[in-house]
Amino acid sequence: MKSRTVCIFKNLFDIECAGCGGTRMFLSILKLDFYQAFRYNPYVFSLLVVGCIYGIYAIIMKCLKKKIFIPNMKWLYIFIFTTVLFMILRNLPGFEFLLPTKV
């Protein structure tokens, strides 16, 4: 019997969404196994790294009492586009390396 997940894309369409592997990725990060975390979901892992860098930048700018760069709507469109692109690519033949993989 096939196991059911909470992912609607996996259950309805039998495809991996952009977030599939995310929970296992976070658990790997908690174990400080960053390579395995990247293998589970490279997109979300990369977004997390960029988010941490932005958070450190914002804290430094706040401490220096300087203006913090706030992303505009263009960045939201880029985020949506890259998320959809990642989801499409990880389900195409030849891009199996983007699927959640246990090392």
N, C-alpha and C. Protein backbone atom coordinates (compact mmCIF):
# COMPACT_ATOMS: atom_id res chain seq x y z
N MET A 1 0.85 -1.19 0.00
CA MET A 1 0.00 0.00 0.00
C MET A 1 0.89 1.24 0.00
N LYS A 2 0.55 2.20 -0.83
CA LYS A 2 1.31 3.43 -0.94
C LYS A 2 1.03 4.33 0.26
N SER A 3 2.10 4.89 0.85
CA SER A 3 1.90 5.75 2.01
C SER A 3 1.34 7.10 1.57
N ARG A 4 0.50 7.67 2.38
CA ARG A 4 -0.11 8.96 2.10
C ARG A 4 0.64 10.04 2.86
N THR A 5 0.87 11.15 2.21
CA THR A 5 1.50 12.29 2.85
C THR A 5 0.48 13.41 2.97
N VAL A 6 0.86 14.49 3.61
CA VAL A 6 -0.04 15.63 3.73
C VAL A 6 0.08 16.56 2.53
N CYS A 7 1.00 16.26 1.62
CA CYS A 7 1.21 17.09 0.44
C CYS A 7 0.10 16.84 -0.58
N ILE A 8 -0.65 17.89 -0.91
CA ILE A 8 -1.77 17.75 -1.84
C ILE A 8 -1.29 17.40 -3.24
N PHE A 9 -0.14 17.95 -3.66
CA PHE A 9 0.39 17.64 -4.98
C PHE A 9 0.78 16.17 -5.08
N LYS A 10 1.39 15.65 -4.03
CA LYS A 10 1.81 14.25 -4.03
C LYS A 10 0.60 13.33 -4.01
N ASN A 11 -0.40 13.67 -3.21
CA ASN A 11 -1.59 12.82 -3.10
C ASN A 11 -2.47 12.85 -4.35
N LEU A 12 -2.68 14.03 -4.93
CA LEU A 12 -3.59 14.14 -6.07
C LEU A 12 -2.93 13.86 -7.41
N PHE A 13 -1.69 14.35 -7.58
CA PHE A 13 -1.06 14.27 -8.89
C PHE A 13 0.17 13.37 -8.94
N ASP A 14 0.59 12.85 -7.80
CA ASP A 14 1.77 12.00 -7.68
C ASP A 14 3.03 12.69 -8.21
N ILE A 15 3.17 13.99 -7.88
CA ILE A 15 4.37 14.74 -8.22
C ILE A 15 4.93 15.37 -6.94
N GLU A 16 6.20 15.70 -6.99
CA GLU A 16 6.86 16.36 -5.86
C GLU A 16 6.64 17.86 -5.97
N CYS A 17 6.15 18.48 -4.92
CA CYS A 17 5.99 19.93 -4.93
C CYS A 17 7.32 20.58 -4.54
N ALA A 18 7.36 21.90 -4.55
CA ALA A 18 8.59 22.62 -4.23
C ALA A 18 9.00 22.42 -2.77
N GLY A 19 8.05 22.06 -1.90
CA GLY A 19 8.35 21.89 -0.48
C GLY A 19 8.59 20.47 -0.05
N CYS A 20 8.39 19.50 -0.95
CA CYS A 20 8.58 18.09 -0.57
C CYS A 20 10.03 17.87 -0.12
N GLY A 21 10.17 17.22 1.00
CA GLY A 21 11.48 17.00 1.60
C GLY A 21 11.83 18.07 2.62
N GLY A 22 10.97 19.07 2.76
CA GLY A 22 11.24 20.19 3.66
C GLY A 22 11.35 19.79 5.13
N THR A 23 10.45 18.92 5.58
CA THR A 23 10.49 18.49 6.99
C THR A 23 11.77 17.71 7.27
N ARG A 24 12.11 16.79 6.37
CA ARG A 24 13.35 16.03 6.54
C ARG A 24 14.56 16.95 6.46
N MET A 25 14.47 18.00 5.64
CA MET A 25 15.55 18.97 5.55
C MET A 25 15.76 19.67 6.89
N PHE A 26 14.68 20.14 7.50
CA PHE A 26 14.80 20.83 8.79
C PHE A 26 15.32 19.89 9.88
N LEU A 27 14.89 18.64 9.86
CA LEU A 27 15.41 17.68 10.84
C LEU A 27 16.90 17.44 10.64
N SER A 28 17.34 17.42 9.39
CA SER A 28 18.78 17.27 9.12
C SER A 28 19.56 18.49 9.59
N ILE A 29 18.97 19.67 9.43
CA ILE A 29 19.63 20.89 9.91
C ILE A 29 19.77 20.85 11.42
N LEU A 30 18.74 20.36 12.11
CA LEU A 30 18.83 20.24 13.57
C LEU A 30 19.95 19.30 14.00
N LYS A 31 20.24 18.31 13.15
CA LYS A 31 21.35 17.37 13.42
C LYS A 31 22.67 17.91 12.90
N LEU A 32 22.66 19.14 12.35
CA LEU A 32 23.82 19.79 11.76
C LEU A 32 24.37 19.02 10.56
N ASP A 33 23.52 18.28 9.88
CA ASP A 33 23.89 17.55 8.67
C ASP A 33 23.42 18.38 7.48
N PHE A 34 24.19 19.41 7.15
CA PHE A 34 23.78 20.37 6.13
C PHE A 34 23.80 19.79 4.72
N TYR A 35 24.72 18.89 4.45
CA TYR A 35 24.76 18.26 3.12
C TYR A 35 23.48 17.46 2.87
N GLN A 36 23.08 16.66 3.86
CA GLN A 36 21.85 15.88 3.72
C GLN A 36 20.64 16.81 3.62
N ALA A 37 20.65 17.88 4.39
CA ALA A 37 19.55 18.85 4.33
C ALA A 37 19.42 19.42 2.92
N PHE A 38 20.56 19.74 2.31
CA PHE A 38 20.55 20.26 0.94
C PHE A 38 20.02 19.22 -0.03
N ARG A 39 20.36 17.97 0.17
CA ARG A 39 19.92 16.88 -0.71
C ARG A 39 18.41 16.66 -0.61
N TYR A 40 17.82 16.89 0.56
CA TYR A 40 16.38 16.71 0.71
C TYR A 40 15.61 17.78 -0.05
N ASN A 41 16.05 19.05 0.04
CA ASN A 41 15.36 20.12 -0.68
C ASN A 41 16.33 21.28 -0.92
N PRO A 42 17.03 21.26 -2.06
CA PRO A 42 18.02 22.30 -2.32
C PRO A 42 17.42 23.70 -2.44
N TYR A 43 16.20 23.80 -2.93
CA TYR A 43 15.58 25.12 -3.11
C TYR A 43 15.27 25.78 -1.77
N VAL A 44 14.55 25.07 -0.92
CA VAL A 44 14.19 25.64 0.38
C VAL A 44 15.44 25.86 1.23
N PHE A 45 16.40 24.95 1.13
CA PHE A 45 17.67 25.12 1.87
C PHE A 45 18.36 26.41 1.43
N SER A 46 18.40 26.65 0.11
CA SER A 46 19.03 27.87 -0.40
C SER A 46 18.27 29.12 0.04
N LEU A 47 16.94 29.04 0.03
CA LEU A 47 16.14 30.17 0.51
C LEU A 47 16.40 30.44 1.98
N LEU A 48 16.57 29.38 2.75
CA LEU A 48 16.85 29.53 4.18
C LEU A 48 18.20 30.21 4.40
N VAL A 49 19.20 29.84 3.62
CA VAL A 49 20.52 30.47 3.72
C VAL A 49 20.43 31.95 3.37
N VAL A 50 19.75 32.26 2.27
CA VAL A 50 19.58 33.67 1.87
C VAL A 50 18.81 34.44 2.93
N GLY A 51 17.77 33.82 3.50
CA GLY A 51 17.00 34.47 4.57
C GLY A 51 17.84 34.75 5.81
N CYS A 52 18.71 33.83 6.17
CA CYS A 52 19.60 34.03 7.32
C CYS A 52 20.58 35.17 7.05
N ILE A 53 21.12 35.21 5.84
CA ILE A 53 22.04 36.30 5.47
C ILE A 53 21.32 37.64 5.53
N TYR A 54 20.09 37.68 5.02
CA TYR A 54 19.32 38.93 5.08
C TYR A 54 19.01 39.30 6.52
N GLY A 55 18.70 38.33 7.36
CA GLY A 55 18.43 38.60 8.77
C GLY A 55 19.64 39.18 9.48
N ILE A 56 20.82 38.63 9.22
CA ILE A 56 22.06 39.16 9.81
C ILE A 56 22.31 40.58 9.32
N TYR A 57 22.11 40.79 8.01
CA TYR A 57 22.25 42.13 7.43
C TYR A 57 21.31 43.12 8.12
N ALA A 58 20.04 42.74 8.30
CA ALA A 58 19.06 43.63 8.91
C ALA A 58 19.43 43.97 10.35
N ILE A 59 19.93 42.98 11.09
CA ILE A 59 20.35 43.22 12.47
C ILE A 59 21.52 44.19 12.52
N ILE A 60 22.49 43.99 11.64
CA ILE A 60 23.67 44.89 11.60
C ILE A 60 23.24 46.30 11.24
N MET A 61 22.39 46.44 10.23
CA MET A 61 21.93 47.78 9.83
C MET A 61 21.12 48.45 10.93
N LYS A 62 20.33 47.66 11.65
CA LYS A 62 19.55 48.22 12.77
C LYS A 62 20.48 48.71 13.87
N CYS A 63 21.51 47.91 14.18
CA CYS A 63 22.48 48.31 15.21
C CYS A 63 23.25 49.57 14.80
N LEU A 64 23.53 49.70 13.52
CA LEU A 64 24.24 50.87 13.03
C LEU A 64 23.30 52.05 12.77
N LYS A 65 22.00 51.82 13.02
CA LYS A 65 20.96 52.84 12.81
C LYS A 65 20.95 53.35 11.37
N LYS A 66 21.10 52.42 10.44
CA LYS A 66 21.04 52.75 9.02
C LYS A 66 19.77 52.17 8.41
N LYS A 67 19.44 52.64 7.22
CA LYS A 67 18.23 52.19 6.54
C LYS A 67 18.40 50.75 6.06
N ILE A 68 17.36 49.94 6.28
CA ILE A 68 17.35 48.53 5.89
C ILE A 68 16.65 48.41 4.54
N PHE A 69 17.28 47.67 3.61
CA PHE A 69 16.67 47.41 2.31
C PHE A 69 15.46 46.51 2.49
N ILE A 70 14.30 46.98 2.06
CA ILE A 70 13.07 46.19 2.11
C ILE A 70 12.74 45.75 0.69
N PRO A 71 12.68 44.44 0.44
CA PRO A 71 12.37 43.97 -0.92
C PRO A 71 11.01 44.46 -1.40
N ASN A 72 10.92 44.77 -2.68
CA ASN A 72 9.65 45.23 -3.26
C ASN A 72 8.93 44.07 -3.94
N MET A 73 7.84 44.37 -4.65
CA MET A 73 7.01 43.34 -5.27
C MET A 73 7.76 42.54 -6.34
N LYS A 74 8.75 43.17 -6.97
CA LYS A 74 9.54 42.46 -7.98
C LYS A 74 10.17 41.21 -7.38
N TRP A 75 10.63 41.28 -6.14
CA TRP A 75 11.25 40.14 -5.47
C TRP A 75 10.23 39.04 -5.20
N LEU A 76 8.98 39.42 -4.92
CA LEU A 76 7.92 38.43 -4.72
C LEU A 76 7.65 37.67 -6.02
N TYR A 77 7.62 38.39 -7.13
CA TYR A 77 7.40 37.74 -8.43
C TYR A 77 8.55 36.79 -8.77
N ILE A 78 9.77 37.20 -8.46
CA ILE A 78 10.93 36.33 -8.69
C ILE A 78 10.82 35.08 -7.84
N PHE A 79 10.42 35.24 -6.59
CA PHE A 79 10.25 34.10 -5.68
C PHE A 79 9.19 33.14 -6.22
N ILE A 80 8.06 33.66 -6.64
CA ILE A 80 6.98 32.81 -7.16
C ILE A 80 7.45 32.09 -8.43
N PHE A 81 8.10 32.80 -9.33
CA PHE A 81 8.59 32.20 -10.57
C PHE A 81 9.59 31.08 -10.29
N THR A 82 10.57 31.33 -9.42
CA THR A 82 11.58 30.31 -9.13
C THR A 82 10.98 29.11 -8.40
N THR A 83 9.99 29.33 -7.56
CA THR A 83 9.33 28.22 -6.87
C THR A 83 8.60 27.32 -7.86
N VAL A 84 7.85 27.92 -8.77
CA VAL A 84 7.13 27.14 -9.78
C VAL A 84 8.12 26.43 -10.70
N LEU A 85 9.18 27.13 -11.11
CA LEU A 85 10.19 26.53 -11.98
C LEU A 85 10.85 25.33 -11.30
N PHE A 86 11.20 25.47 -10.02
CA PHE A 86 11.82 24.36 -9.28
C PHE A 86 10.87 23.17 -9.22
N MET A 87 9.59 23.43 -8.97
CA MET A 87 8.61 22.36 -8.87
C MET A 87 8.46 21.63 -10.21
N ILE A 88 8.45 22.37 -11.29
CA ILE A 88 8.34 21.75 -12.61
C ILE A 88 9.60 20.93 -12.92
N LEU A 89 10.76 21.53 -12.72
CA LEU A 89 12.01 20.85 -13.06
C LEU A 89 12.21 19.57 -12.27
N ARG A 90 11.90 19.58 -10.98
CA ARG A 90 12.18 18.40 -10.17
C ARG A 90 11.30 17.21 -10.54
N ASN A 91 10.30 17.43 -11.35
CA ASN A 91 9.43 16.34 -11.80
C ASN A 91 9.67 15.92 -13.24
N LEU A 92 10.66 16.51 -13.90
CA LEU A 92 10.99 16.16 -15.28
C LEU A 92 12.11 15.12 -15.31
N PRO A 93 12.08 14.24 -16.30
CA PRO A 93 13.19 13.30 -16.46
C PRO A 93 14.49 14.05 -16.71
N GLY A 94 15.55 13.57 -16.10
CA GLY A 94 16.85 14.23 -16.23
C GLY A 94 17.15 15.16 -15.07
N PHE A 95 16.16 15.47 -14.26
CA PHE A 95 16.36 16.35 -13.11
C PHE A 95 16.08 15.62 -11.80
N GLU A 96 16.32 14.31 -11.80
CA GLU A 96 16.07 13.50 -10.60
C GLU A 96 16.92 13.95 -9.41
N PHE A 97 18.06 14.61 -9.70
CA PHE A 97 18.93 15.09 -8.63
C PHE A 97 18.25 16.16 -7.77
N LEU A 98 17.15 16.73 -8.23
CA LEU A 98 16.41 17.72 -7.45
C LEU A 98 15.38 17.08 -6.51
N LEU A 99 15.15 15.78 -6.66
CA LEU A 99 14.20 15.09 -5.79
C LEU A 99 14.82 14.86 -4.41
N PRO A 100 13.98 14.76 -3.37
CA PRO A 100 14.52 14.46 -2.04
C PRO A 100 15.29 13.14 -2.06
N THR A 101 16.56 13.18 -1.67
CA THR A 101 17.44 12.03 -1.76
C THR A 101 18.12 11.78 -0.44
N LYS A 102 18.10 10.54 -0.01
CA LYS A 102 18.82 10.13 1.21
C LYS A 102 20.22 9.72 0.79
N VAL A 103 21.22 10.34 1.40
CA VAL A 103 22.61 10.01 1.09
C VAL A 103 23.05 8.82 1.90
